[in-house]
Amino acid sequence: MKYRIAAAVILVWTAAFFQSTFLQYIEIFSIRPNLLIVLMVIVALLRSPVESAVMALCFGLSMDILMGKTLGWYALLFFLVSIPISLVNEKLYREKLLVLLSFTFASSVMIETLFFVIMFLFRGLGYFPFIFSTIILPEAIYNSILILPLFRPISGVYNILDTVDRKRNRLSA
């Protein structure tokens, strides 16, 4: 269990580090991919609803800390989006390209749209069609492309953690 917690902490810290430093250098048309959304989708596709919800809260809080404007909105949105994904993940072929792309695209659009609506309600930011077409959709496409090289390594790490847990539980029984 402590291996799983240590791996989760390392994953969140590494993702926050890369989101705040290196990803600014791979901007395309001033759109930066959101690594935290991509990792939230990967964890929601691979893990149970409880584990993915806790990880989504951690990813969301780190996104809130990186954004620096409000605390808790991204955590709430990540949490709410990860639960339906993790509830249907057992019924899907997770390794299929269409599943990865569609869940990442839909999650990115939902999270960023809801965040924009929240900011519109509280701060009066406006002109949604422009924001949607120039920021939200390109970021969702970029995130959908980013999930492809990340899914297999993270899935492999979780398989190793599951193997270690099974061996430890078998030896302790």
C-alpha atoms as a PDB file:
ATOM      1  CA  MET A   1       0.000   0.000   0.000  1.00  0.00           C
ATOM      2  CA  LYS A   2       2.815   2.412   0.779  1.00  0.00           C
ATOM      3  CA  TYR A   3       4.285   1.723  -2.674  1.00  0.00           C
ATOM      4  CA  ARG A   4       0.999   2.791  -4.230  1.00  0.00           C
ATOM      5  CA  ILE A   5       0.903   6.009  -2.196  1.00  0.00           C
ATOM      6  CA  ALA A   6       4.526   6.786  -2.997  1.00  0.00           C
ATOM      7  CA  ALA A   7       3.885   6.181  -6.705  1.00  0.00           C
ATOM      8  CA  ALA A   8       0.824   8.445  -6.587  1.00  0.00           C
ATOM      9  CA  VAL A   9       2.766  11.253  -4.902  1.00  0.00           C
ATOM     10  CA  ILE A  10       5.613  10.932  -7.395  1.00  0.00           C
ATOM     11  CA  LEU A  11       3.120  10.964 -10.300  1.00  0.00           C
ATOM     12  CA  VAL A  12       1.359  14.106  -9.047  1.00  0.00           C
ATOM     13  CA  TRP A  13       4.609  15.966  -8.310  1.00  0.00           C
ATOM     14  CA  THR A  14       6.165  14.988 -11.617  1.00  0.00           C
ATOM     15  CA  ALA A  15       3.067  16.006 -13.543  1.00  0.00           C
ATOM     16  CA  ALA A  16       2.874  19.366 -11.754  1.00  0.00           C
ATOM     17  CA  PHE A  17       6.580  19.944 -12.372  1.00  0.00           C
ATOM     18  CA  PHE A  18       6.325  19.200 -16.099  1.00  0.00           C
ATOM     19  CA  GLN A  19       3.082  21.202 -16.410  1.00  0.00           C
ATOM     20  CA  SER A  20       4.689  24.276 -14.906  1.00  0.00           C
ATOM     21  CA  THR A  21       8.102  24.065 -16.583  1.00  0.00           C
ATOM     22  CA  PHE A  22       8.706  22.019 -19.726  1.00  0.00           C
ATOM     23  CA  LEU A  23       5.279  22.086 -21.348  1.00  0.00           C
ATOM     24  CA  GLN A  24       5.550  25.812 -21.995  1.00  0.00           C
ATOM     25  CA  TYR A  25       8.216  25.007 -24.568  1.00  0.00           C
ATOM     26  CA  ILE A  26       5.926  22.799 -26.656  1.00  0.00           C
ATOM     27  CA  GLU A  27       3.147  25.324 -27.079  1.00  0.00           C
ATOM     28  CA  ILE A  28       1.474  25.345 -30.481  1.00  0.00           C
ATOM     29  CA  PHE A  29      -0.354  28.573 -31.381  1.00  0.00           C
ATOM     30  CA  SER A  30       0.018  29.600 -27.713  1.00  0.00           C
ATOM     31  CA  ILE A  31      -1.913  26.500 -26.591  1.00  0.00           C
ATOM     32  CA  ARG A  32      -0.225  24.389 -23.943  1.00  0.00           C
ATOM     33  CA  PRO A  33      -1.321  20.787 -23.310  1.00  0.00           C
ATOM     34  CA  ASN A  34      -2.763  20.009 -19.908  1.00  0.00           C
ATOM     35  CA  LEU A  35      -0.810  17.043 -18.599  1.00  0.00           C
ATOM     36  CA  LEU A  36      -2.866  16.871 -15.413  1.00  0.00           C
ATOM     37  CA  ILE A  37      -6.106  16.271 -17.333  1.00  0.00           C
ATOM     38  CA  VAL A  38      -4.408  13.583 -19.399  1.00  0.00           C
ATOM     39  CA  LEU A  39      -3.095  11.799 -16.314  1.00  0.00           C
ATOM     40  CA  MET A  40      -6.474  12.085 -14.604  1.00  0.00           C
ATOM     41  CA  VAL A  41      -8.077  10.303 -17.567  1.00  0.00           C
ATOM     42  CA  ILE A  42      -5.390   7.607 -17.547  1.00  0.00           C
ATOM     43  CA  VAL A  43      -5.820   6.952 -13.828  1.00  0.00           C
ATOM     44  CA  ALA A  44      -9.619   6.959 -14.161  1.00  0.00           C
ATOM     45  CA  LEU A  45      -9.391   4.390 -16.953  1.00  0.00           C
ATOM     46  CA  LEU A  46      -7.021   2.135 -15.013  1.00  0.00           C
ATOM     47  CA  ARG A  47      -8.109   2.268 -11.375  1.00  0.00           C
ATOM     48  CA  SER A  48     -11.165   1.901  -9.152  1.00  0.00           C
ATOM     49  CA  PRO A  49     -13.606   4.780  -8.606  1.00  0.00           C
ATOM     50  CA  VAL A  50     -12.274   5.589  -5.138  1.00  0.00           C
ATOM     51  CA  GLU A  51      -8.613   5.575  -6.125  1.00  0.00           C
ATOM     52  CA  SER A  52      -9.245   7.575  -9.289  1.00  0.00           C
ATOM     53  CA  ALA A  53     -11.372  10.120  -7.392  1.00  0.00           C
ATOM     54  CA  VAL A  54      -8.623  10.668  -4.816  1.00  0.00           C
ATOM     55  CA  MET A  55      -6.011  10.997  -7.561  1.00  0.00           C
ATOM     56  CA  ALA A  56      -8.292  13.388  -9.469  1.00  0.00           C
ATOM     57  CA  LEU A  57      -8.582  15.564  -6.364  1.00  0.00           C
ATOM     58  CA  CYS A  58      -4.781  15.606  -6.057  1.00  0.00           C
ATOM     59  CA  PHE A  59      -4.358  16.471  -9.750  1.00  0.00           C
ATOM     60  CA  GLY A  60      -7.040  19.155  -9.465  1.00  0.00           C
ATOM     61  CA  LEU A  61      -5.512  20.712  -6.352  1.00  0.00           C
ATOM     62  CA  SER A  62      -2.105  20.817  -7.992  1.00  0.00           C
ATOM     63  CA  MET A  63      -3.721  22.467 -11.034  1.00  0.00           C
ATOM     64  CA  ASP A  64      -5.389  25.002  -8.726  1.00  0.00           C
ATOM     65  CA  ILE A  65      -2.047  25.728  -7.077  1.00  0.00           C
ATOM     66  CA  LEU A  66      -0.339  26.117 -10.462  1.00  0.00           C
ATOM     67  CA  MET A  67      -3.057  28.456 -11.778  1.00  0.00           C
ATOM     68  CA  GLY A  68      -2.902  30.561  -8.626  1.00  0.00           C
ATOM     69  CA  LYS A  69      -6.265  32.302  -9.029  1.00  0.00           C
ATOM     70  CA  THR A  70      -8.775  30.117  -7.222  1.00  0.00           C
ATOM     71  CA  LEU A  71      -8.411  27.086  -5.001  1.00  0.00           C
ATOM     72  CA  GLY A  72     -10.711  24.122  -5.367  1.00  0.00           C
ATOM     73  CA  TRP A  73     -12.515  24.619  -8.669  1.00  0.00           C
ATOM     74  CA  TYR A  74     -10.248  22.415 -10.747  1.00  0.00           C
ATOM     75  CA  ALA A  75     -10.183  19.850  -7.931  1.00  0.00           C
ATOM     76  CA  LEU A  76     -13.974  19.703  -7.950  1.00  0.00           C
ATOM     77  CA  LEU A  77     -14.159  19.479 -11.744  1.00  0.00           C
ATOM     78  CA  PHE A  78     -11.461  16.781 -11.967  1.00  0.00           C
ATOM     79  CA  PHE A  79     -13.255  14.831  -9.235  1.00  0.00           C
ATOM     80  CA  LEU A  80     -16.633  15.056 -10.955  1.00  0.00           C
ATOM     81  CA  VAL A  81     -15.265  14.084 -14.368  1.00  0.00           C
ATOM     82  CA  SER A  82     -13.136  11.174 -13.142  1.00  0.00           C
ATOM     83  CA  ILE A  83     -15.921   9.307 -11.365  1.00  0.00           C
ATOM     84  CA  PRO A  84     -18.058   8.462 -14.449  1.00  0.00           C
ATOM     85  CA  ILE A  85     -14.953   7.403 -16.363  1.00  0.00           C
ATOM     86  CA  SER A  86     -13.838   5.090 -13.583  1.00  0.00           C
ATOM     87  CA  LEU A  87     -17.332   3.630 -13.232  1.00  0.00           C
ATOM     88  CA  VAL A  88     -17.363   2.457 -16.858  1.00  0.00           C
ATOM     89  CA  ASN A  89     -13.684   1.542 -17.193  1.00  0.00           C
ATOM     90  CA  GLU A  90     -14.288  -2.165 -16.503  1.00  0.00           C
ATOM     91  CA  LYS A  91     -16.630  -2.386 -19.484  1.00  0.00           C
ATOM     92  CA  LEU A  92     -14.179  -0.872 -21.981  1.00  0.00           C
ATOM     93  CA  TYR A  93     -11.164  -1.982 -23.919  1.00  0.00           C
ATOM     94  CA  ARG A  94      -8.918   0.640 -22.358  1.00  0.00           C
ATOM     95  CA  GLU A  95      -6.025   0.138 -24.734  1.00  0.00           C
ATOM     96  CA  LYS A  96      -8.071   0.993 -27.819  1.00  0.00           C
ATOM     97  CA  LEU A  97      -7.109   4.212 -29.525  1.00  0.00           C
ATOM     98  CA  LEU A  98     -10.675   5.491 -29.905  1.00  0.00           C
ATOM     99  CA  VAL A  99     -11.414   5.025 -26.195  1.00  0.00           C
ATOM    100  CA  LEU A 100      -8.305   6.949 -25.167  1.00  0.00           C
ATOM    101  CA  LEU A 101      -8.889   9.777 -27.626  1.00  0.00           C
ATOM    102  CA  SER A 102     -12.600  10.170 -26.949  1.00  0.00           C
ATOM    103  CA  PHE A 103     -12.349  10.157 -23.158  1.00  0.00           C
ATOM    104  CA  THR A 104      -9.457  12.607 -23.180  1.00  0.00           C
ATOM    105  CA  PHE A 105     -11.160  14.925 -25.656  1.00  0.00           C
ATOM    106  CA  ALA A 106     -14.490  14.847 -23.795  1.00  0.00           C
ATOM    107  CA  SER A 107     -12.851  15.324 -20.390  1.00  0.00           C
ATOM    108  CA  SER A 108     -10.763  18.252 -21.610  1.00  0.00           C
ATOM    109  CA  VAL A 109     -13.764  19.960 -23.178  1.00  0.00           C
ATOM    110  CA  MET A 110     -15.951  19.402 -20.108  1.00  0.00           C
ATOM    111  CA  ILE A 111     -13.386  20.545 -17.550  1.00  0.00           C
ATOM    112  CA  GLU A 112     -12.276  23.648 -19.439  1.00  0.00           C
ATOM    113  CA  THR A 113     -15.830  24.615 -20.430  1.00  0.00           C
ATOM    114  CA  LEU A 114     -17.128  24.262 -16.887  1.00  0.00           C
ATOM    115  CA  PHE A 115     -14.151  26.213 -15.555  1.00  0.00           C
ATOM    116  CA  PHE A 116     -14.853  28.977 -18.054  1.00  0.00           C
ATOM    117  CA  VAL A 117     -18.534  29.027 -17.031  1.00  0.00           C
ATOM    118  CA  ILE A 118     -17.516  29.281 -13.370  1.00  0.00           C
ATOM    119  CA  MET A 119     -15.136  32.145 -14.157  1.00  0.00           C
ATOM    120  CA  PHE A 120     -17.858  33.803 -16.235  1.00  0.00           C
ATOM    121  CA  LEU A 121     -20.299  33.624 -13.324  1.00  0.00           C
ATOM    122  CA  PHE A 122     -17.893  34.995 -10.742  1.00  0.00           C
ATOM    123  CA  ARG A 123     -15.687  37.352 -12.727  1.00  0.00           C
ATOM    124  CA  GLY A 124     -17.654  38.256 -15.822  1.00  0.00           C
ATOM    125  CA  LEU A 125     -15.261  36.875 -18.416  1.00  0.00           C
ATOM    126  CA  GLY A 126     -17.059  36.827 -21.717  1.00  0.00           C
ATOM    127  CA  TYR A 127     -17.433  35.792 -25.324  1.00  0.00           C
ATOM    128  CA  PHE A 128     -17.628  32.051 -25.005  1.00  0.00           C
ATOM    129  CA  PRO A 129     -17.554  31.102 -28.742  1.00  0.00           C
ATOM    130  CA  PHE A 130     -14.178  32.774 -29.190  1.00  0.00           C
ATOM    131  CA  ILE A 131     -12.697  31.111 -26.088  1.00  0.00           C
ATOM    132  CA  PHE A 132     -14.183  27.742 -27.070  1.00  0.00           C
ATOM    133  CA  SER A 133     -12.835  27.783 -30.608  1.00  0.00           C
ATOM    134  CA  THR A 134      -9.397  29.260 -29.903  1.00  0.00           C
ATOM    135  CA  ILE A 135      -8.497  27.742 -26.536  1.00  0.00           C
ATOM    136  CA  ILE A 136     -10.727  24.877 -25.400  1.00  0.00           C
ATOM    137  CA  LEU A 137     -10.983  22.842 -28.622  1.00  0.00           C
ATOM    138  CA  PRO A 138      -7.279  23.086 -29.587  1.00  0.00           C
ATOM    139  CA  GLU A 139      -6.269  22.158 -26.036  1.00  0.00           C
ATOM    140  CA  ALA A 140      -8.604  19.157 -26.122  1.00  0.00           C
ATOM    141  CA  ILE A 141      -7.095  17.995 -29.407  1.00  0.00           C
ATOM    142  CA  TYR A 142      -3.592  18.527 -28.042  1.00  0.00           C
ATOM    143  CA  ASN A 143      -4.448  16.555 -24.879  1.00  0.00           C
ATOM    144  CA  SER A 144      -5.897  13.747 -26.983  1.00  0.00           C
ATOM    145  CA  ILE A 145      -2.620  13.460 -28.857  1.00  0.00           C
ATOM    146  CA  LEU A 146      -0.598  13.644 -25.621  1.00  0.00           C
ATOM    147  CA  ILE A 147      -2.333  10.629 -24.078  1.00  0.00           C
ATOM    148  CA  LEU A 148      -1.010   8.264 -26.743  1.00  0.00           C
ATOM    149  CA  PRO A 149       2.646   8.104 -25.606  1.00  0.00           C
ATOM    150  CA  LEU A 150       1.748   8.293 -21.890  1.00  0.00           C
ATOM    151  CA  PHE A 151      -0.854   5.550 -21.492  1.00  0.00           C
ATOM    152  CA  ARG A 152       1.330   2.449 -21.871  1.00  0.00           C
ATOM    153  CA  PRO A 153       4.150   3.495 -19.472  1.00  0.00           C
ATOM    154  CA  ILE A 154       1.725   4.529 -16.736  1.00  0.00           C
ATOM    155  CA  SER A 155      -0.313   1.379 -17.277  1.00  0.00           C
ATOM    156  CA  GLY A 156       2.891  -0.641 -16.938  1.00  0.00           C
ATOM    157  CA  VAL A 157       3.755   1.067 -13.655  1.00  0.00           C
ATOM    158  CA  TYR A 158       0.299   0.309 -12.269  1.00  0.00           C
ATOM    159  CA  ASN A 159       0.629  -3.331 -13.387  1.00  0.00           C
ATOM    160  CA  ILE A 160       3.943  -3.567 -11.513  1.00  0.00           C
ATOM    161  CA  LEU A 161       2.318  -2.066  -8.399  1.00  0.00           C
ATOM    162  CA  ASP A 162      -0.537  -4.572  -8.643  1.00  0.00           C
ATOM    163  CA  THR A 163       1.964  -7.425  -8.946  1.00  0.00           C
ATOM    164  CA  VAL A 164       3.883  -6.218  -5.886  1.00  0.00           C
ATOM    165  CA  ASP A 165       0.638  -5.917  -3.896  1.00  0.00           C
ATOM    166  CA  ARG A 166      -0.439  -9.438  -4.880  1.00  0.00           C
ATOM    167  CA  LYS A 167       2.930 -10.877  -3.861  1.00  0.00           C
ATOM    168  CA  ARG A 168       2.930  -9.036  -0.533  1.00  0.00           C
ATOM    169  CA  ASN A 169      -0.649 -10.084   0.255  1.00  0.00           C
ATOM    170  CA  ARG A 170       0.059 -13.704  -0.670  1.00  0.00           C
ATOM    171  CA  LEU A 171       3.144 -13.799   1.561  1.00  0.00           C
ATOM    172  CA  SER A 172       1.435 -12.174   4.542  1.00  0.00           C
ATOM    173  CA  ALA A 173      -1.575 -14.501   4.508  1.00  0.00           C
END
